[in-house]
Amino acid sequence: MSGAPPGDPSGPVVVDAHQHLWDPARRRYPWMEVPGREPLRRPYALDDLRAATSAAGVQRTVLVQTVSAAEETREFLRTAGGSGGLVAAVVGWVDLAGDVPAQVADLRGGPGGALLAGVRHQAEDEPGTAWLERGEVARGAVAAARAGLVHDLLVRADQLDAASALVDAVHEAEPGAVFVLDHGAKPPVGGDGWAAWAAAVARLAQRPHVRCKLSGLFTLVPAGAPDEALRPTVEHLLGVFGPGRLLFGTDWPVSTLAAGHADVLARTRALLAGLAPGERAAVLGGNAVTVYGLDAPVPR
């Protein structure tokens, strides 16, 4: 395994570009009610994140929305503002079918508002592709891009072509728009639908203003299968996006269903061992600093 191990102070900057916080005692998380996710139904707060990232040697994180609620985004911004730089950016939620400029102004006007770097809607939970095809959603996405916000795409494999069409519509109106595909659209690792996913994600990757998160993958590995089951998926994403457009993320604490924070980083390093050092450093941190405009930490 190449690269510095977790916690090595001589290693490159590491950014977890995708993590969450939540408290089921305060808010309902419908996606958490799926069988098998019972271990996640406990609070995960900033102190838990600090302990996990410290053990892993991660210096910055991007905190990502978990529900369609502006109040959660306000909470996340307050948390980020008081994190001492650990949470360097927030990807929040706004109603893309509503008055996006007003919503963004409201969020940015509150505590930690300067750390709002992106928006996301859980389109994977929407039936079919109708939500992605709504004209008002495209207009809202244009407004978000004009506000300088990155657009995280959380979509299923069968929604990738509709996501590509949305990206095209937004980019035509706002050429500076930047999109990030979360979790590689959750490929069916080892499943019959892998080839269809691979073709659809390759079509999306033809758009140079789309990036992709190498995140949330270990929870997709079939029970009992080794990490090598992920290699075709990782190599495909590297092939279609290139290391200059991939961002490492853990999807912590969802990732704890498969591995701890430090273990996810170590196992990701192993899957990236074939890259040149500069390429690996870009995936593990440099690309996230650029995409989300982070206050970059000094090299460790």
C-alpha atoms as a PDB file:
ATOM      1  CA  MET A   1       0.000   0.000   0.000  1.00  0.00           C
ATOM      2  CA  SER A   2       1.540   3.283  -1.060  1.00  0.00           C
ATOM      3  CA  GLY A   3       1.147   6.667   0.568  1.00  0.00           C
ATOM      4  CA  ALA A   4       1.438   7.595   4.217  1.00  0.00           C
ATOM      5  CA  PRO A   5      -0.633   5.544   6.650  1.00  0.00           C
ATOM      6  CA  PRO A   6      -3.439   7.181   8.638  1.00  0.00           C
ATOM      7  CA  GLY A   7      -2.059   9.517  11.255  1.00  0.00           C
ATOM      8  CA  ASP A   8       1.377   9.899   9.627  1.00  0.00           C
ATOM      9  CA  PRO A   9       2.265  13.616  10.012  1.00  0.00           C
ATOM     10  CA  SER A  10       4.425  13.496   6.886  1.00  0.00           C
ATOM     11  CA  GLY A  11       1.573  12.483   4.599  1.00  0.00           C
ATOM     12  CA  PRO A  12      -0.369  14.647   2.128  1.00  0.00           C
ATOM     13  CA  VAL A  13      -3.481  16.604   2.975  1.00  0.00           C
ATOM     14  CA  VAL A  14      -6.497  14.300   3.395  1.00  0.00           C
ATOM     15  CA  VAL A  15     -10.038  15.648   3.056  1.00  0.00           C
ATOM     16  CA  ASP A  16     -13.134  13.585   3.734  1.00  0.00           C
ATOM     17  CA  ALA A  17     -15.382  15.151   1.112  1.00  0.00           C
ATOM     18  CA  HIS A  18     -18.518  13.356   2.272  1.00  0.00           C
ATOM     19  CA  GLN A  19     -19.650  12.817   5.849  1.00  0.00           C
ATOM     20  CA  HIS A  20     -22.793  13.349   7.904  1.00  0.00           C
ATOM     21  CA  LEU A  21     -24.049  14.146  11.396  1.00  0.00           C
ATOM     22  CA  TRP A  22     -27.485  13.345  12.805  1.00  0.00           C
ATOM     23  CA  ASP A  23     -29.644  12.819  15.878  1.00  0.00           C
ATOM     24  CA  PRO A  24     -32.646  10.466  15.517  1.00  0.00           C
ATOM     25  CA  ALA A  25     -34.016  11.769  18.824  1.00  0.00           C
ATOM     26  CA  ARG A  26     -34.555  15.182  17.212  1.00  0.00           C
ATOM     27  CA  ARG A  27     -35.477  14.379  13.634  1.00  0.00           C
ATOM     28  CA  ARG A  28     -36.841  11.537  11.499  1.00  0.00           C
ATOM     29  CA  TYR A  29     -34.559  10.096   8.812  1.00  0.00           C
ATOM     30  CA  PRO A  30     -36.742   7.938   6.524  1.00  0.00           C
ATOM     31  CA  TRP A  31     -33.751   6.400   4.730  1.00  0.00           C
ATOM     32  CA  MET A  32     -32.485   5.156   8.100  1.00  0.00           C
ATOM     33  CA  GLU A  33     -35.572   2.976   8.572  1.00  0.00           C
ATOM     34  CA  VAL A  34     -34.400   0.446   5.974  1.00  0.00           C
ATOM     35  CA  PRO A  35     -33.730  -2.992   7.531  1.00  0.00           C
ATOM     36  CA  GLY A  36     -30.038  -3.472   8.273  1.00  0.00           C
ATOM     37  CA  ARG A  37     -29.436   0.156   9.211  1.00  0.00           C
ATOM     38  CA  GLU A  38     -30.405  -0.267  12.860  1.00  0.00           C
ATOM     39  CA  PRO A  39     -26.819   0.398  14.077  1.00  0.00           C
ATOM     40  CA  LEU A  40     -27.010   3.899  12.594  1.00  0.00           C
ATOM     41  CA  ARG A  41     -29.997   4.909  14.722  1.00  0.00           C
ATOM     42  CA  ARG A  42     -28.005   6.822  17.343  1.00  0.00           C
ATOM     43  CA  PRO A  43     -26.668  10.365  17.512  1.00  0.00           C
ATOM     44  CA  TYR A  44     -23.451  11.211  15.693  1.00  0.00           C
ATOM     45  CA  ALA A  45     -22.164  14.629  16.731  1.00  0.00           C
ATOM     46  CA  LEU A  46     -19.118  16.819  16.156  1.00  0.00           C
ATOM     47  CA  ASP A  47     -17.170  15.190  18.994  1.00  0.00           C
ATOM     48  CA  ASP A  48     -17.697  11.770  17.402  1.00  0.00           C
ATOM     49  CA  LEU A  49     -16.476  13.135  14.078  1.00  0.00           C
ATOM     50  CA  ARG A  50     -13.439  14.716  15.698  1.00  0.00           C
ATOM     51  CA  ALA A  51     -12.466  11.427  17.334  1.00  0.00           C
ATOM     52  CA  ALA A  52     -12.941   9.448  14.120  1.00  0.00           C
ATOM     53  CA  THR A  53     -11.037  11.858  11.877  1.00  0.00           C
ATOM     54  CA  SER A  54      -8.215  12.321  14.374  1.00  0.00           C
ATOM     55  CA  ALA A  55      -7.588   8.584  14.430  1.00  0.00           C
ATOM     56  CA  ALA A  56      -7.643   8.512  10.620  1.00  0.00           C
ATOM     57  CA  GLY A  57      -5.402  11.543  10.112  1.00  0.00           C
ATOM     58  CA  VAL A  58      -8.106  13.444   8.207  1.00  0.00           C
ATOM     59  CA  GLN A  59      -7.727  17.214   8.465  1.00  0.00           C
ATOM     60  CA  ARG A  60     -10.843  18.617   6.787  1.00  0.00           C
ATOM     61  CA  THR A  61     -14.340  17.337   6.034  1.00  0.00           C
ATOM     62  CA  VAL A  62     -17.343  18.348   3.960  1.00  0.00           C
ATOM     63  CA  LEU A  63     -20.589  17.933   5.916  1.00  0.00           C
ATOM     64  CA  VAL A  64     -23.469  16.823   3.678  1.00  0.00           C
ATOM     65  CA  GLN A  65     -27.235  17.098   4.176  1.00  0.00           C
ATOM     66  CA  THR A  66     -29.281  14.052   5.185  1.00  0.00           C
ATOM     67  CA  VAL A  67     -32.880  15.325   4.964  1.00  0.00           C
ATOM     68  CA  SER A  68     -34.804  17.859   2.896  1.00  0.00           C
ATOM     69  CA  ALA A  69     -34.943  20.523   5.591  1.00  0.00           C
ATOM     70  CA  ALA A  70     -33.418  23.994   5.634  1.00  0.00           C
ATOM     71  CA  GLU A  71     -33.264  23.856   9.423  1.00  0.00           C
ATOM     72  CA  GLU A  72     -30.804  20.971   9.256  1.00  0.00           C
ATOM     73  CA  THR A  73     -28.627  23.050   6.927  1.00  0.00           C
ATOM     74  CA  ARG A  74     -28.707  25.953   9.393  1.00  0.00           C
ATOM     75  CA  GLU A  75     -27.669  23.556  12.171  1.00  0.00           C
ATOM     76  CA  PHE A  76     -24.850  22.178  10.029  1.00  0.00           C
ATOM     77  CA  LEU A  77     -23.563  25.679   9.258  1.00  0.00           C
ATOM     78  CA  ARG A  78     -23.517  26.558  12.955  1.00  0.00           C
ATOM     79  CA  THR A  79     -21.673  23.321  13.683  1.00  0.00           C
ATOM     80  CA  ALA A  80     -19.163  23.942  10.908  1.00  0.00           C
ATOM     81  CA  GLY A  81     -18.550  27.480  12.110  1.00  0.00           C
ATOM     82  CA  GLY A  82     -17.720  26.197  15.576  1.00  0.00           C
ATOM     83  CA  SER A  83     -15.624  23.205  14.486  1.00  0.00           C
ATOM     84  CA  GLY A  84     -12.262  24.957  14.466  1.00  0.00           C
ATOM     85  CA  GLY A  85     -11.839  24.286  10.758  1.00  0.00           C
ATOM     86  CA  LEU A  86     -12.483  20.532  10.846  1.00  0.00           C
ATOM     87  CA  VAL A  87     -15.785  20.929   8.978  1.00  0.00           C
ATOM     88  CA  ALA A  88     -14.519  23.144   6.189  1.00  0.00           C
ATOM     89  CA  ALA A  89     -17.692  23.269   4.081  1.00  0.00           C
ATOM     90  CA  VAL A  90     -21.355  22.305   4.110  1.00  0.00           C
ATOM     91  CA  VAL A  91     -23.401  20.851   1.270  1.00  0.00           C
ATOM     92  CA  GLY A  92     -26.895  21.775   2.382  1.00  0.00           C
ATOM     93  CA  TRP A  93     -30.443  21.559   1.123  1.00  0.00           C
ATOM     94  CA  VAL A  94     -32.584  24.182  -0.560  1.00  0.00           C
ATOM     95  CA  ASP A  95     -35.881  23.742  -2.372  1.00  0.00           C
ATOM     96  CA  LEU A  96     -34.679  23.924  -5.964  1.00  0.00           C
ATOM     97  CA  ALA A  97     -38.272  24.410  -7.108  1.00  0.00           C
ATOM     98  CA  GLY A  98     -38.589  27.500  -4.896  1.00  0.00           C
ATOM     99  CA  ASP A  99     -36.929  30.906  -4.592  1.00  0.00           C
ATOM    100  CA  VAL A 100     -33.337  29.710  -4.532  1.00  0.00           C
ATOM    101  CA  PRO A 101     -31.610  33.127  -4.261  1.00  0.00           C
ATOM    102  CA  ALA A 102     -33.728  34.023  -1.212  1.00  0.00           C
ATOM    103  CA  GLN A 103     -33.063  30.670   0.454  1.00  0.00           C
ATOM    104  CA  VAL A 104     -29.317  30.918  -0.158  1.00  0.00           C
ATOM    105  CA  ALA A 105     -29.228  34.487   1.153  1.00  0.00           C
ATOM    106  CA  ASP A 106     -31.042  33.373   4.304  1.00  0.00           C
ATOM    107  CA  LEU A 107     -28.602  30.523   4.916  1.00  0.00           C
ATOM    108  CA  ARG A 108     -25.535  32.617   4.211  1.00  0.00           C
ATOM    109  CA  GLY A 109     -26.814  35.347   6.506  1.00  0.00           C
ATOM    110  CA  GLY A 110     -26.833  33.050   9.530  1.00  0.00           C
ATOM    111  CA  PRO A 111     -24.044  31.674  11.739  1.00  0.00           C
ATOM    112  CA  GLY A 112     -21.453  29.823   9.673  1.00  0.00           C
ATOM    113  CA  GLY A 113     -23.204  30.894   6.472  1.00  0.00           C
ATOM    114  CA  ALA A 114     -19.944  31.571   4.654  1.00  0.00           C
ATOM    115  CA  LEU A 115     -19.241  27.819   4.781  1.00  0.00           C
ATOM    116  CA  LEU A 116     -22.199  26.933   2.538  1.00  0.00           C
ATOM    117  CA  ALA A 117     -20.419  25.465  -0.481  1.00  0.00           C
ATOM    118  CA  GLY A 118     -22.999  23.283  -2.159  1.00  0.00           C
ATOM    119  CA  VAL A 119     -26.549  21.991  -2.379  1.00  0.00           C
ATOM    120  CA  ARG A 120     -28.032  18.530  -2.669  1.00  0.00           C
ATOM    121  CA  HIS A 121     -31.444  16.912  -2.997  1.00  0.00           C
ATOM    122  CA  GLN A 122     -31.898  13.188  -2.370  1.00  0.00           C
ATOM    123  CA  ALA A 123     -33.133  12.471  -5.876  1.00  0.00           C
ATOM    124  CA  GLU A 124     -32.432   8.768  -5.352  1.00  0.00           C
ATOM    125  CA  ASP A 125     -35.499   8.690  -3.102  1.00  0.00           C
ATOM    126  CA  GLU A 126     -37.724  10.245  -5.776  1.00  0.00           C
ATOM    127  CA  PRO A 127     -39.720   7.807  -7.948  1.00  0.00           C
ATOM    128  CA  GLY A 128     -38.495   7.429 -11.508  1.00  0.00           C
ATOM    129  CA  THR A 129     -36.845  10.428 -13.145  1.00  0.00           C
ATOM    130  CA  ALA A 130     -39.687  12.970 -12.978  1.00  0.00           C
ATOM    131  CA  TRP A 131     -38.080  15.152 -10.293  1.00  0.00           C
ATOM    132  CA  LEU A 132     -34.831  15.457 -12.240  1.00  0.00           C
ATOM    133  CA  GLU A 133     -36.792  16.418 -15.354  1.00  0.00           C
ATOM    134  CA  ARG A 134     -38.805  19.253 -13.774  1.00  0.00           C
ATOM    135  CA  GLY A 135     -38.187  22.613 -15.420  1.00  0.00           C
ATOM    136  CA  GLU A 136     -38.329  24.483 -12.115  1.00  0.00           C
ATOM    137  CA  VAL A 137     -35.656  22.185 -10.688  1.00  0.00           C
ATOM    138  CA  ALA A 138     -33.348  23.021 -13.599  1.00  0.00           C
ATOM    139  CA  ARG A 139     -34.028  26.737 -13.077  1.00  0.00           C
ATOM    140  CA  GLY A 140     -33.289  26.377  -9.367  1.00  0.00           C
ATOM    141  CA  ALA A 141     -30.076  24.528 -10.129  1.00  0.00           C
ATOM    142  CA  VAL A 142     -29.027  27.385 -12.424  1.00  0.00           C
ATOM    143  CA  ALA A 143     -29.693  29.870  -9.624  1.00  0.00           C
ATOM    144  CA  ALA A 144     -27.654  27.779  -7.190  1.00  0.00           C
ATOM    145  CA  ALA A 145     -24.754  27.650  -9.632  1.00  0.00           C
ATOM    146  CA  ARG A 146     -24.919  31.418 -10.119  1.00  0.00           C
ATOM    147  CA  ALA A 147     -24.691  31.747  -6.336  1.00  0.00           C
ATOM    148  CA  GLY A 148     -21.388  29.882  -6.527  1.00  0.00           C
ATOM    149  CA  LEU A 149     -22.703  26.609  -5.102  1.00  0.00           C
ATOM    150  CA  VAL A 150     -21.564  23.159  -6.184  1.00  0.00           C
ATOM    151  CA  HIS A 151     -24.413  20.755  -6.968  1.00  0.00           C
ATOM    152  CA  ASP A 152     -24.059  17.276  -5.442  1.00  0.00           C
ATOM    153  CA  LEU A 153     -26.019  14.667  -7.392  1.00  0.00           C
ATOM    154  CA  LEU A 154     -27.390  11.813  -5.287  1.00  0.00           C
ATOM    155  CA  VAL A 155     -28.977   9.586  -7.912  1.00  0.00           C
ATOM    156  CA  ARG A 156     -29.594   5.913  -8.628  1.00  0.00           C
ATOM    157  CA  ALA A 157     -27.993   4.142 -11.568  1.00  0.00           C
ATOM    158  CA  ASP A 158     -31.303   4.237 -13.475  1.00  0.00           C
ATOM    159  CA  GLN A 159     -31.414   8.024 -13.030  1.00  0.00           C
ATOM    160  CA  LEU A 160     -27.962   8.734 -14.480  1.00  0.00           C
ATOM    161  CA  ASP A 161     -29.160   9.657 -17.971  1.00  0.00           C
ATOM    162  CA  ALA A 162     -31.772  12.031 -16.535  1.00  0.00           C
ATOM    163  CA  ALA A 163     -29.028  13.532 -14.382  1.00  0.00           C
ATOM    164  CA  SER A 164     -26.921  14.018 -17.516  1.00  0.00           C
ATOM    165  CA  ALA A 165     -29.802  15.885 -19.151  1.00  0.00           C
ATOM    166  CA  LEU A 166     -30.176  18.116 -16.080  1.00  0.00           C
ATOM    167  CA  VAL A 167     -26.451  18.839 -16.097  1.00  0.00           C
ATOM    168  CA  ASP A 168     -26.624  19.810 -19.775  1.00  0.00           C
ATOM    169  CA  ALA A 169     -29.583  22.132 -19.240  1.00  0.00           C
ATOM    170  CA  VAL A 170     -27.929  23.880 -16.310  1.00  0.00           C
ATOM    171  CA  HIS A 171     -24.549  24.146 -17.990  1.00  0.00           C
ATOM    172  CA  GLU A 172     -26.093  25.709 -21.088  1.00  0.00           C
ATOM    173  CA  ALA A 173     -27.555  28.500 -18.947  1.00  0.00           C
ATOM    174  CA  GLU A 174     -24.625  28.753 -16.526  1.00  0.00           C
ATOM    175  CA  PRO A 175     -21.322  27.470 -17.985  1.00  0.00           C
ATOM    176  CA  GLY A 176     -19.613  27.788 -14.625  1.00  0.00           C
ATOM    177  CA  ALA A 177     -21.865  25.193 -12.965  1.00  0.00           C
ATOM    178  CA  VAL A 178     -20.024  22.376 -11.188  1.00  0.00           C
ATOM    179  CA  PHE A 179     -21.633  19.022 -10.353  1.00  0.00           C
ATOM    180  CA  VAL A 180     -20.371  16.190  -8.138  1.00  0.00           C
ATOM    181  CA  LEU A 181     -21.793  12.677  -8.447  1.00  0.00           C
ATOM    182  CA  ASP A 182     -22.137  11.200  -4.965  1.00  0.00           C
ATOM    183  CA  HIS A 183     -20.981   7.624  -4.335  1.00  0.00           C
ATOM    184  CA  GLY A 184     -20.554   6.961  -8.047  1.00  0.00           C
ATOM    185  CA  ALA A 185     -24.362   6.546  -8.210  1.00  0.00           C
ATOM    186  CA  LYS A 186     -24.017   3.486  -5.944  1.00  0.00           C
ATOM    187  CA  PRO A 187     -22.912   0.858  -8.466  1.00  0.00           C
ATOM    188  CA  PRO A 188     -24.321  -2.665  -8.084  1.00  0.00           C
ATOM    189  CA  VAL A 189     -20.980  -4.217  -7.135  1.00  0.00           C
ATOM    190  CA  GLY A 190     -20.856  -7.752  -8.451  1.00  0.00           C
ATOM    191  CA  GLY A 191     -24.457  -7.507  -9.654  1.00  0.00           C
ATOM    192  CA  ASP A 192     -26.185  -8.003 -13.001  1.00  0.00           C
ATOM    193  CA  GLY A 193     -26.734  -4.270 -13.466  1.00  0.00           C
ATOM    194  CA  TRP A 194     -23.056  -3.332 -13.297  1.00  0.00           C
ATOM    195  CA  ALA A 195     -22.539  -3.062 -17.068  1.00  0.00           C
ATOM    196  CA  ALA A 196     -25.568  -0.777 -17.470  1.00  0.00           C
ATOM    197  CA  TRP A 197     -24.329   1.385 -14.580  1.00  0.00           C
ATOM    198  CA  ALA A 198     -20.835   1.526 -16.100  1.00  0.00           C
ATOM    199  CA  ALA A 199     -22.166   2.695 -19.460  1.00  0.00           C
ATOM    200  CA  ALA A 200     -24.447   5.334 -17.933  1.00  0.00           C
ATOM    201  CA  VAL A 201     -21.780   6.734 -15.603  1.00  0.00           C
ATOM    202  CA  ALA A 202     -19.361   6.905 -18.540  1.00  0.00           C
ATOM    203  CA  ARG A 203     -21.895   9.009 -20.446  1.00  0.00           C
ATOM    204  CA  LEU A 204     -22.210  11.402 -17.513  1.00  0.00           C
ATOM    205  CA  ALA A 205     -18.422  11.574 -17.177  1.00  0.00           C
ATOM    206  CA  GLN A 206     -18.160  12.902 -20.739  1.00  0.00           C
ATOM    207  CA  ARG A 207     -19.185  16.257 -19.257  1.00  0.00           C
ATOM    208  CA  PRO A 208     -15.944  17.826 -17.964  1.00  0.00           C
ATOM    209  CA  HIS A 209     -17.750  19.976 -15.391  1.00  0.00           C
ATOM    210  CA  VAL A 210     -18.916  16.842 -13.508  1.00  0.00           C
ATOM    211  CA  ARG A 211     -16.788  15.351 -10.722  1.00  0.00           C
ATOM    212  CA  CYS A 212     -17.391  12.126  -8.802  1.00  0.00           C
ATOM    213  CA  LYS A 213     -16.980  11.068  -5.202  1.00  0.00           C
ATOM    214  CA  LEU A 214     -15.120   7.854  -4.501  1.00  0.00           C
ATOM    215  CA  SER A 215     -17.265   7.411  -1.427  1.00  0.00           C
ATOM    216  CA  GLY A 216     -19.729   5.091   0.212  1.00  0.00           C
ATOM    217  CA  LEU A 217     -18.437   2.082  -1.722  1.00  0.00           C
ATOM    218  CA  PHE A 218     -17.496  -0.384   1.003  1.00  0.00           C
ATOM    219  CA  THR A 219     -21.096  -0.691   2.194  1.00  0.00           C
ATOM    220  CA  LEU A 220     -21.963  -1.825  -1.357  1.00  0.00           C
ATOM    221  CA  VAL A 221     -19.647  -4.856  -1.311  1.00  0.00           C
ATOM    222  CA  PRO A 222     -21.639  -8.109  -1.015  1.00  0.00           C
ATOM    223  CA  ALA A 223     -21.366  -9.809   2.357  1.00  0.00           C
ATOM    224  CA  GLY A 224     -18.259 -11.948   2.565  1.00  0.00           C
ATOM    225  CA  ALA A 225     -16.664 -10.527  -0.589  1.00  0.00           C
ATOM    226  CA  PRO A 226     -13.159  -8.996  -0.405  1.00  0.00           C
ATOM    227  CA  ASP A 227     -12.357  -5.381  -1.239  1.00  0.00           C
ATOM    228  CA  GLU A 228     -11.010  -6.637  -4.573  1.00  0.00           C
ATOM    229  CA  ALA A 229     -14.664  -6.895  -5.607  1.00  0.00           C
ATOM    230  CA  LEU A 230     -14.547  -3.088  -5.782  1.00  0.00           C
ATOM    231  CA  ARG A 231     -11.526  -2.919  -8.057  1.00  0.00           C
ATOM    232  CA  PRO A 232     -13.436  -3.031 -11.386  1.00  0.00           C
ATOM    233  CA  THR A 233     -15.686  -0.224 -10.126  1.00  0.00           C
ATOM    234  CA  VAL A 234     -12.801   1.943  -8.901  1.00  0.00           C
ATOM    235  CA  GLU A 235     -10.801   1.360 -12.071  1.00  0.00           C
ATOM    236  CA  HIS A 236     -13.833   2.244 -14.199  1.00  0.00           C
ATOM    237  CA  LEU A 237     -14.384   5.509 -12.302  1.00  0.00           C
ATOM    238  CA  LEU A 238     -10.685   6.308 -12.627  1.00  0.00           C
ATOM    239  CA  GLY A 239     -10.879   5.558 -16.330  1.00  0.00           C
ATOM    240  CA  VAL A 240     -13.905   7.706 -17.146  1.00  0.00           C
ATOM    241  CA  PHE A 241     -13.327  10.617 -14.750  1.00  0.00           C
ATOM    242  CA  GLY A 242      -9.562  10.454 -14.293  1.00  0.00           C
ATOM    243  CA  PRO A 243      -7.842  11.092 -10.947  1.00  0.00           C
ATOM    244  CA  GLY A 244      -8.230  14.840 -11.497  1.00  0.00           C
ATOM    245  CA  ARG A 245     -12.017  14.611 -11.097  1.00  0.00           C
ATOM    246  CA  LEU A 246     -12.384  12.082  -8.262  1.00  0.00           C
ATOM    247  CA  LEU A 247     -12.835  13.069  -4.600  1.00  0.00           C
ATOM    248  CA  PHE A 248     -12.308  10.756  -1.640  1.00  0.00           C
ATOM    249  CA  GLY A 249     -15.123  10.564   0.900  1.00  0.00           C
ATOM    250  CA  THR A 250     -16.066   8.096   3.598  1.00  0.00           C
ATOM    251  CA  ASP A 251     -19.853   8.554   3.851  1.00  0.00           C
ATOM    252  CA  TRP A 252     -19.250   8.319   7.626  1.00  0.00           C
ATOM    253  CA  PRO A 253     -21.130   7.319   9.715  1.00  0.00           C
ATOM    254  CA  VAL A 254     -23.085   5.268   7.139  1.00  0.00           C
ATOM    255  CA  SER A 255     -19.691   3.730   6.373  1.00  0.00           C
ATOM    256  CA  THR A 256     -19.511   2.274   9.896  1.00  0.00           C
ATOM    257  CA  LEU A 257     -21.813  -0.483   8.648  1.00  0.00           C
ATOM    258  CA  ALA A 258     -18.725  -1.778   6.828  1.00  0.00           C
ATOM    259  CA  ALA A 259     -15.658  -0.233   8.486  1.00  0.00           C
ATOM    260  CA  GLY A 260     -14.363   2.473  10.783  1.00  0.00           C
ATOM    261  CA  HIS A 261     -13.246   5.851   9.470  1.00  0.00           C
ATOM    262  CA  ALA A 262      -9.503   5.075   9.513  1.00  0.00           C
ATOM    263  CA  ASP A 263     -10.130   1.673   7.938  1.00  0.00           C
ATOM    264  CA  VAL A 264     -12.108   3.211   5.061  1.00  0.00           C
ATOM    265  CA  LEU A 265      -9.185   5.538   4.347  1.00  0.00           C
ATOM    266  CA  ALA A 266      -6.625   2.723   4.516  1.00  0.00           C
ATOM    267  CA  ARG A 267      -8.687   0.470   2.249  1.00  0.00           C
ATOM    268  CA  THR A 268      -9.221   3.307  -0.225  1.00  0.00           C
ATOM    269  CA  ARG A 269      -5.470   3.948  -0.303  1.00  0.00           C
ATOM    270  CA  ALA A 270      -4.966   0.295  -1.168  1.00  0.00           C
ATOM    271  CA  LEU A 271      -7.389   0.555  -4.088  1.00  0.00           C
ATOM    272  CA  LEU A 272      -5.534   3.662  -5.311  1.00  0.00           C
ATOM    273  CA  ALA A 273      -2.068   2.168  -4.914  1.00  0.00           C
ATOM    274  CA  GLY A 274      -1.475   2.084  -8.665  1.00  0.00           C
ATOM    275  CA  LEU A 275      -1.734   5.858  -9.048  1.00  0.00           C
ATOM    276  CA  ALA A 276       1.241   8.197  -9.140  1.00  0.00           C
ATOM    277  CA  PRO A 277       1.776  10.013  -5.798  1.00  0.00           C
ATOM    278  CA  GLY A 278       0.470  13.323  -7.148  1.00  0.00           C
ATOM    279  CA  GLU A 279      -2.652  11.682  -8.568  1.00  0.00           C
ATOM    280  CA  ARG A 280      -3.337   9.883  -5.311  1.00  0.00           C
ATOM    281  CA  ALA A 281      -2.868  13.112  -3.342  1.00  0.00           C
ATOM    282  CA  ALA A 282      -5.369  14.846  -5.631  1.00  0.00           C
ATOM    283  CA  VAL A 283      -8.032  12.185  -5.059  1.00  0.00           C
ATOM    284  CA  LEU A 284      -7.458  12.044  -1.300  1.00  0.00           C
ATOM    285  CA  GLY A 285      -7.617  15.785  -0.714  1.00  0.00           C
ATOM    286  CA  GLY A 286      -6.467  18.224  -3.362  1.00  0.00           C
ATOM    287  CA  ASN A 287      -9.498  17.888  -5.608  1.00  0.00           C
ATOM    288  CA  ALA A 288     -11.920  18.506  -2.732  1.00  0.00           C
ATOM    289  CA  VAL A 289     -10.019  21.658  -1.747  1.00  0.00           C
ATOM    290  CA  THR A 290     -10.429  22.968  -5.302  1.00  0.00           C
ATOM    291  CA  VAL A 291     -14.022  21.872  -5.951  1.00  0.00           C
ATOM    292  CA  TYR A 292     -15.495  23.130  -2.669  1.00  0.00           C
ATOM    293  CA  GLY A 293     -13.159  26.111  -2.262  1.00  0.00           C
ATOM    294  CA  LEU A 294     -11.884  24.928   1.096  1.00  0.00           C
ATOM    295  CA  ASP A 295      -9.532  26.737   3.399  1.00  0.00           C
ATOM    296  CA  ALA A 296      -6.828  24.167   2.776  1.00  0.00           C
ATOM    297  CA  PRO A 297      -4.853  22.804   5.718  1.00  0.00           C
ATOM    298  CA  VAL A 298      -1.087  22.902   5.614  1.00  0.00           C
ATOM    299  CA  PRO A 299       0.548  19.616   4.511  1.00  0.00           C
ATOM    300  CA  ARG A 300       1.073  17.311   7.478  1.00  0.00           C
END
